Structures are given as C-alpha cells and as structure tokens.
Amino acid sequence: MTDLAKRIEGAQDPEIKTMTAWLSKWGASPTASSMPGMDHGSMGSGNGMMTAEEMAKLGQAAGAEFDRMWTEMMIKHHEGAIAMAKIHIEKGSNADSKKLAQDIITAQQAEITEMQGLLK
C-alpha cells in the first residue's frame, strides 16, 4: 500500500504542477477554473472528491480497515479524474493539455486495475 501511495503521489505531483503553471500562464485561478464541465461540483457524486465525513471515517480507521477504505476512496477519486479528463479531451482546445488528459486516463486506469486487485 505504501509503495502504491508513493507512486500515485509521484505521478500526480508533476501533473498538478503542470496544470497549475498552465492556469497561471492563462491568467486563471487554480481553484476556480472557468472551463465548461471541468469544475468538481458540476460532476455530481461521481466527481471523485471525498466528503468531510468520509475523510473523518478514514482518519479514525487503522490497519487493514484503513488500507481498504483508502483504496476504495482512491479508486473513486481516480474514476472522477478519468471522467474529467474525458470531458477535457472532448471539449478542450489545447493540444498539450489534451495529451496530459489522455496520459492521466491511461495511468489512472492502470492504478485502478491494480487497486481492484489489491481489494480482492
């Protein structure tokens, strides 16, 4: 689990830095993107964001229960990222950001498959 978490962090940190730099270059705020369909709130319950209640439950868990909860939440989070990346590929116009979206889909789908295997 620790290895998986480190790999996810290692993959997502550069993605976040790249997207934040793009937003800055484009004069947009990283917390209030105006791209249609890309805000977390518009995606309903499938947005991949954990609720405060879910995070509190995770904080109270330990051992195998924590590992299971973290994995289930990370799968949900990845599914939300994949959904947003697909919307961006469909509606976006920047070739570099669309390539990053496809890279995110590929990487996070592979991680979902790995996590589903760990849950078994």
N, C-alpha and C. Protein backbone atom coordinates (compact mmCIF):
# COMPACT_ATOMS: atom_id res chain seq x y z
N MET A 1 0.82 -1.19 0.00
CA MET A 1 0.00 0.00 0.00
C MET A 1 0.86 1.25 0.00
N THR A 2 1.90 1.25 0.84
CA THR A 2 2.77 2.43 0.92
C THR A 2 3.44 2.69 -0.42
N ASP A 3 3.90 1.63 -1.07
CA ASP A 3 4.53 1.78 -2.39
C ASP A 3 3.55 2.36 -3.40
N LEU A 4 2.33 1.86 -3.41
CA LEU A 4 1.30 2.36 -4.31
C LEU A 4 1.03 3.84 -4.04
N ALA A 5 0.87 4.20 -2.78
CA ALA A 5 0.59 5.60 -2.42
C ALA A 5 1.73 6.52 -2.88
N LYS A 6 2.95 6.07 -2.71
CA LYS A 6 4.11 6.87 -3.14
C LYS A 6 4.14 7.02 -4.66
N ARG A 7 3.79 5.95 -5.37
CA ARG A 7 3.77 6.03 -6.84
C ARG A 7 2.66 6.98 -7.32
N ILE A 8 1.50 6.92 -6.68
CA ILE A 8 0.40 7.82 -7.04
C ILE A 8 0.82 9.27 -6.79
N GLU A 9 1.40 9.52 -5.63
CA GLU A 9 1.87 10.87 -5.32
C GLU A 9 2.93 11.33 -6.33
N GLY A 10 3.85 10.44 -6.66
CA GLY A 10 4.90 10.77 -7.61
C GLY A 10 4.37 11.08 -9.01
N ALA A 11 3.28 10.44 -9.39
CA ALA A 11 2.68 10.69 -10.71
C ALA A 11 1.84 11.96 -10.70
N GLN A 12 1.11 12.20 -9.61
CA GLN A 12 0.18 13.32 -9.59
C GLN A 12 0.84 14.66 -9.30
N ASP A 13 1.91 14.68 -8.53
CA ASP A 13 2.57 15.95 -8.23
C ASP A 13 3.01 16.69 -9.49
N PRO A 14 3.70 16.03 -10.44
CA PRO A 14 4.08 16.75 -11.67
C PRO A 14 2.87 17.18 -12.50
N GLU A 15 1.82 16.37 -12.52
CA GLU A 15 0.60 16.74 -13.25
C GLU A 15 0.00 18.02 -12.67
N ILE A 16 -0.07 18.07 -11.36
CA ILE A 16 -0.65 19.24 -10.69
C ILE A 16 0.20 20.48 -10.97
N LYS A 17 1.52 20.32 -10.89
CA LYS A 17 2.41 21.46 -11.16
C LYS A 17 2.26 21.95 -12.60
N THR A 18 2.15 21.03 -13.53
CA THR A 18 1.98 21.41 -14.94
C THR A 18 0.67 22.16 -15.14
N MET A 19 -0.41 21.61 -14.61
CA MET A 19 -1.72 22.26 -14.78
C MET A 19 -1.77 23.61 -14.08
N THR A 20 -1.18 23.72 -12.91
CA THR A 20 -1.14 24.99 -12.19
C THR A 20 -0.36 26.03 -12.98
N ALA A 21 0.76 25.61 -13.58
CA ALA A 21 1.55 26.54 -14.40
C ALA A 21 0.75 27.00 -15.62
N TRP A 22 0.02 26.09 -16.25
CA TRP A 22 -0.83 26.47 -17.39
C TRP A 22 -1.86 27.50 -16.96
N LEU A 23 -2.52 27.25 -15.85
CA LEU A 23 -3.55 28.18 -15.38
C LEU A 23 -2.95 29.56 -15.12
N SER A 24 -1.79 29.57 -14.50
CA SER A 24 -1.12 30.85 -14.24
C SER A 24 -0.80 31.57 -15.55
N LYS A 25 -0.27 30.82 -16.51
CA LYS A 25 0.08 31.38 -17.82
C LYS A 25 -1.17 31.93 -18.52
N TRP A 26 -2.29 31.25 -18.34
CA TRP A 26 -3.54 31.64 -18.99
C TRP A 26 -4.32 32.67 -18.18
N GLY A 27 -3.78 33.07 -17.02
CA GLY A 27 -4.43 34.08 -16.19
C GLY A 27 -5.64 33.56 -15.44
N ALA A 28 -5.66 32.28 -15.14
CA ALA A 28 -6.79 31.68 -14.43
C ALA A 28 -6.34 31.23 -13.04
N SER A 29 -7.29 31.09 -12.14
CA SER A 29 -7.03 30.64 -10.78
C SER A 29 -7.08 29.12 -10.73
N PRO A 30 -6.14 28.48 -10.03
CA PRO A 30 -6.18 27.01 -9.91
C PRO A 30 -7.40 26.50 -9.15
N THR A 31 -8.08 27.35 -8.42
CA THR A 31 -9.24 26.90 -7.64
C THR A 31 -10.57 27.27 -8.28
N ALA A 32 -10.54 28.05 -9.34
CA ALA A 32 -11.80 28.48 -9.95
C ALA A 32 -11.68 28.48 -11.46
N SER A 33 -11.46 27.33 -12.02
CA SER A 33 -11.34 27.22 -13.47
C SER A 33 -12.68 27.53 -14.12
N SER A 34 -12.63 28.23 -15.24
CA SER A 34 -13.87 28.58 -15.94
C SER A 34 -14.11 27.68 -17.14
N MET A 35 -13.39 26.57 -17.22
CA MET A 35 -13.58 25.65 -18.34
C MET A 35 -14.89 24.91 -18.18
N PRO A 36 -15.74 24.89 -19.20
CA PRO A 36 -17.04 24.22 -19.10
C PRO A 36 -16.91 22.75 -18.72
N GLY A 37 -17.67 22.34 -17.72
CA GLY A 37 -17.72 20.94 -17.33
C GLY A 37 -16.54 20.46 -16.51
N MET A 38 -15.61 21.36 -16.19
CA MET A 38 -14.40 20.91 -15.53
C MET A 38 -14.39 21.16 -14.02
N ASP A 39 -15.36 21.88 -13.49
CA ASP A 39 -15.37 22.09 -12.05
C ASP A 39 -15.92 20.84 -11.37
N HIS A 40 -15.38 20.55 -10.19
CA HIS A 40 -15.76 19.33 -9.48
C HIS A 40 -17.25 19.31 -9.15
N GLY A 41 -17.82 20.45 -8.82
CA GLY A 41 -19.23 20.50 -8.42
C GLY A 41 -20.18 20.09 -9.52
N SER A 42 -19.83 20.34 -10.76
CA SER A 42 -20.74 20.04 -11.85
C SER A 42 -20.82 18.55 -12.17
N MET A 43 -19.96 17.77 -11.57
CA MET A 43 -19.92 16.36 -11.91
C MET A 43 -20.75 15.51 -10.95
N GLY A 44 -21.42 16.13 -10.02
CA GLY A 44 -22.29 15.39 -9.11
C GLY A 44 -21.49 14.48 -8.20
N SER A 45 -22.09 13.38 -7.77
CA SER A 45 -21.45 12.50 -6.82
C SER A 45 -20.32 11.70 -7.44
N GLY A 46 -20.20 11.71 -8.76
CA GLY A 46 -19.13 10.97 -9.42
C GLY A 46 -17.87 11.78 -9.62
N ASN A 47 -17.71 12.87 -8.87
CA ASN A 47 -16.56 13.73 -9.10
C ASN A 47 -15.27 13.22 -8.48
N GLY A 48 -15.33 12.21 -7.65
CA GLY A 48 -14.12 11.65 -7.07
C GLY A 48 -13.61 12.36 -5.83
N MET A 49 -14.30 13.40 -5.42
CA MET A 49 -13.87 14.13 -4.23
C MET A 49 -14.51 13.49 -3.00
N MET A 50 -13.70 13.35 -1.95
CA MET A 50 -14.20 12.75 -0.73
C MET A 50 -14.92 13.81 0.10
N THR A 51 -15.95 13.38 0.79
CA THR A 51 -16.67 14.28 1.69
C THR A 51 -15.88 14.40 2.99
N ALA A 52 -16.20 15.41 3.77
CA ALA A 52 -15.56 15.58 5.08
C ALA A 52 -15.86 14.37 5.97
N GLU A 53 -17.07 13.84 5.84
CA GLU A 53 -17.46 12.67 6.63
C GLU A 53 -16.62 11.45 6.25
N GLU A 54 -16.41 11.25 4.95
CA GLU A 54 -15.58 10.12 4.51
C GLU A 54 -14.14 10.27 5.01
N MET A 55 -13.62 11.49 4.95
CA MET A 55 -12.25 11.72 5.41
C MET A 55 -12.13 11.50 6.92
N ALA A 56 -13.16 11.89 7.66
CA ALA A 56 -13.16 11.68 9.11
C ALA A 56 -13.16 10.19 9.43
N LYS A 57 -13.98 9.41 8.71
CA LYS A 57 -14.01 7.97 8.92
C LYS A 57 -12.66 7.34 8.60
N LEU A 58 -12.04 7.81 7.52
CA LEU A 58 -10.72 7.30 7.16
C LEU A 58 -9.71 7.63 8.26
N GLY A 59 -9.79 8.83 8.81
CA GLY A 59 -8.88 9.24 9.88
C GLY A 59 -9.04 8.41 11.14
N GLN A 60 -10.21 7.83 11.33
CA GLN A 60 -10.46 7.01 12.51
C GLN A 60 -10.09 5.54 12.30
N ALA A 61 -9.87 5.17 11.06
CA ALA A 61 -9.57 3.76 10.75
C ALA A 61 -8.09 3.49 10.95
N ALA A 62 -7.76 2.20 11.06
CA ALA A 62 -6.37 1.78 11.22
C ALA A 62 -6.19 0.39 10.60
N GLY A 63 -4.95 0.06 10.30
CA GLY A 63 -4.61 -1.27 9.82
C GLY A 63 -5.28 -1.61 8.51
N ALA A 64 -5.76 -2.86 8.42
CA ALA A 64 -6.38 -3.35 7.18
C ALA A 64 -7.63 -2.56 6.82
N GLU A 65 -8.39 -2.11 7.83
CA GLU A 65 -9.59 -1.32 7.55
C GLU A 65 -9.19 0.00 6.87
N PHE A 66 -8.13 0.66 7.36
CA PHE A 66 -7.66 1.90 6.74
C PHE A 66 -7.24 1.63 5.30
N ASP A 67 -6.45 0.56 5.10
CA ASP A 67 -5.99 0.24 3.75
C ASP A 67 -7.15 0.03 2.79
N ARG A 68 -8.17 -0.70 3.23
CA ARG A 68 -9.34 -0.95 2.39
C ARG A 68 -10.08 0.35 2.08
N MET A 69 -10.32 1.16 3.10
CA MET A 69 -11.05 2.41 2.90
C MET A 69 -10.26 3.35 1.99
N TRP A 70 -8.96 3.46 2.22
CA TRP A 70 -8.12 4.34 1.40
C TRP A 70 -8.16 3.89 -0.05
N THR A 71 -8.06 2.59 -0.28
CA THR A 71 -8.06 2.05 -1.63
C THR A 71 -9.40 2.32 -2.32
N GLU A 72 -10.49 2.08 -1.62
CA GLU A 72 -11.82 2.34 -2.21
C GLU A 72 -11.99 3.82 -2.54
N MET A 73 -11.53 4.70 -1.65
CA MET A 73 -11.64 6.13 -1.89
C MET A 73 -10.73 6.58 -3.04
N MET A 74 -9.55 5.99 -3.13
CA MET A 74 -8.63 6.36 -4.20
C MET A 74 -9.17 5.89 -5.55
N ILE A 75 -9.82 4.75 -5.58
CA ILE A 75 -10.46 4.29 -6.83
C ILE A 75 -11.52 5.30 -7.24
N LYS A 76 -12.36 5.72 -6.30
CA LYS A 76 -13.40 6.71 -6.58
C LYS A 76 -12.78 8.02 -7.08
N HIS A 77 -11.70 8.44 -6.44
CA HIS A 77 -11.00 9.67 -6.82
C HIS A 77 -10.46 9.55 -8.25
N HIS A 78 -9.83 8.42 -8.56
CA HIS A 78 -9.30 8.20 -9.91
C HIS A 78 -10.41 8.17 -10.94
N GLU A 79 -11.53 7.53 -10.62
CA GLU A 79 -12.66 7.49 -11.56
C GLU A 79 -13.16 8.90 -11.87
N GLY A 80 -13.18 9.77 -10.85
CA GLY A 80 -13.57 11.16 -11.07
C GLY A 80 -12.58 11.88 -11.97
N ALA A 81 -11.29 11.64 -11.76
CA ALA A 81 -10.26 12.27 -12.59
C ALA A 81 -10.37 11.80 -14.04
N ILE A 82 -10.62 10.53 -14.23
CA ILE A 82 -10.77 9.99 -15.58
C ILE A 82 -11.98 10.62 -16.27
N ALA A 83 -13.08 10.76 -15.55
CA ALA A 83 -14.28 11.38 -16.12
C ALA A 83 -13.99 12.82 -16.55
N MET A 84 -13.29 13.58 -15.70
CA MET A 84 -12.96 14.96 -16.05
C MET A 84 -11.99 15.01 -17.23
N ALA A 85 -11.02 14.09 -17.26
CA ALA A 85 -10.06 14.06 -18.37
C ALA A 85 -10.77 13.77 -19.69
N LYS A 86 -11.75 12.87 -19.66
CA LYS A 86 -12.52 12.57 -20.88
C LYS A 86 -13.29 13.79 -21.37
N ILE A 87 -13.87 14.53 -20.44
CA ILE A 87 -14.58 15.76 -20.82
C ILE A 87 -13.60 16.74 -21.45
N HIS A 88 -12.41 16.84 -20.87
CA HIS A 88 -11.42 17.79 -21.41
C HIS A 88 -10.99 17.38 -22.82
N ILE A 89 -10.78 16.10 -23.04
CA ILE A 89 -10.40 15.64 -24.38
C ILE A 89 -11.49 16.00 -25.39
N GLU A 90 -12.74 15.86 -24.97
CA GLU A 90 -13.87 16.17 -25.86
C GLU A 90 -14.03 17.67 -26.10
N LYS A 91 -13.86 18.48 -25.05
CA LYS A 91 -14.22 19.90 -25.15
C LYS A 91 -13.02 20.85 -25.16
N GLY A 92 -11.85 20.36 -24.78
CA GLY A 92 -10.68 21.23 -24.69
C GLY A 92 -10.11 21.58 -26.05
N SER A 93 -9.27 22.61 -26.07
CA SER A 93 -8.68 23.03 -27.34
C SER A 93 -7.15 23.00 -27.33
N ASN A 94 -6.53 22.95 -26.16
CA ASN A 94 -5.08 22.96 -26.08
C ASN A 94 -4.53 21.55 -26.25
N ALA A 95 -3.69 21.36 -27.25
CA ALA A 95 -3.16 20.02 -27.57
C ALA A 95 -2.34 19.45 -26.42
N ASP A 96 -1.55 20.28 -25.75
CA ASP A 96 -0.73 19.78 -24.64
C ASP A 96 -1.60 19.32 -23.47
N SER A 97 -2.65 20.10 -23.16
CA SER A 97 -3.50 19.70 -22.05
C SER A 97 -4.34 18.47 -22.40
N LYS A 98 -4.71 18.33 -23.66
CA LYS A 98 -5.45 17.14 -24.08
C LYS A 98 -4.56 15.90 -24.01
N LYS A 99 -3.27 16.06 -24.34
CA LYS A 99 -2.33 14.94 -24.22
C LYS A 99 -2.17 14.54 -22.76
N LEU A 100 -2.03 15.55 -21.88
CA LEU A 100 -1.93 15.25 -20.46
C LEU A 100 -3.19 14.53 -19.98
N ALA A 101 -4.35 14.98 -20.44
CA ALA A 101 -5.61 14.32 -20.05
C ALA A 101 -5.59 12.84 -20.44
N GLN A 102 -5.11 12.54 -21.66
CA GLN A 102 -5.04 11.14 -22.09
C GLN A 102 -4.03 10.37 -21.26
N ASP A 103 -2.90 10.99 -20.93
CA ASP A 103 -1.90 10.34 -20.07
C ASP A 103 -2.48 10.03 -18.70
N ILE A 104 -3.29 10.95 -18.17
CA ILE A 104 -3.94 10.74 -16.87
C ILE A 104 -4.90 9.56 -16.95
N ILE A 105 -5.68 9.50 -18.01
CA ILE A 105 -6.62 8.39 -18.19
C ILE A 105 -5.86 7.06 -18.19
N THR A 106 -4.82 6.99 -18.98
CA THR A 106 -4.04 5.75 -19.10
C THR A 106 -3.44 5.33 -17.76
N ALA A 107 -2.77 6.28 -17.09
CA ALA A 107 -2.09 5.96 -15.83
C ALA A 107 -3.07 5.62 -14.73
N GLN A 108 -4.13 6.40 -14.61
CA GLN A 108 -5.04 6.17 -13.50
C GLN A 108 -5.91 4.95 -13.71
N GLN A 109 -6.20 4.59 -14.95
CA GLN A 109 -6.93 3.34 -15.19
C GLN A 109 -6.07 2.15 -14.78
N ALA A 110 -4.78 2.22 -15.08
CA ALA A 110 -3.87 1.14 -14.66
C ALA A 110 -3.81 1.05 -13.14
N GLU A 111 -3.80 2.20 -12.46
CA GLU A 111 -3.77 2.19 -11.00
C GLU A 111 -5.09 1.66 -10.43
N ILE A 112 -6.20 1.99 -11.06
CA ILE A 112 -7.49 1.44 -10.62
C ILE A 112 -7.47 -0.09 -10.72
N THR A 113 -6.98 -0.60 -11.82
CA THR A 113 -6.91 -2.05 -12.01
C THR A 113 -6.05 -2.68 -10.92
N GLU A 114 -4.91 -2.05 -10.61
CA GLU A 114 -4.03 -2.56 -9.54
C GLU A 114 -4.75 -2.53 -8.20
N MET A 115 -5.43 -1.41 -7.90
CA MET A 115 -6.12 -1.30 -6.62
C MET A 115 -7.27 -2.28 -6.49
N GLN A 116 -7.99 -2.51 -7.58
CA GLN A 116 -9.07 -3.50 -7.56
C GLN A 116 -8.50 -4.88 -7.24
N GLY A 117 -7.33 -5.18 -7.79
CA GLY A 117 -6.67 -6.44 -7.48
C GLY A 117 -6.29 -6.54 -6.01
N LEU A 118 -5.83 -5.44 -5.44
CA LEU A 118 -5.46 -5.44 -4.02
C LEU A 118 -6.69 -5.66 -3.13
N LEU A 119 -7.82 -5.16 -3.54
CA LEU A 119 -9.03 -5.33 -2.73
C LEU A 119 -9.51 -6.78 -2.70
N LYS A 120 -9.14 -7.53 -3.73
CA LYS A 120 -9.55 -8.95 -3.77
C LYS A 120 -8.69 -9.72 -2.81
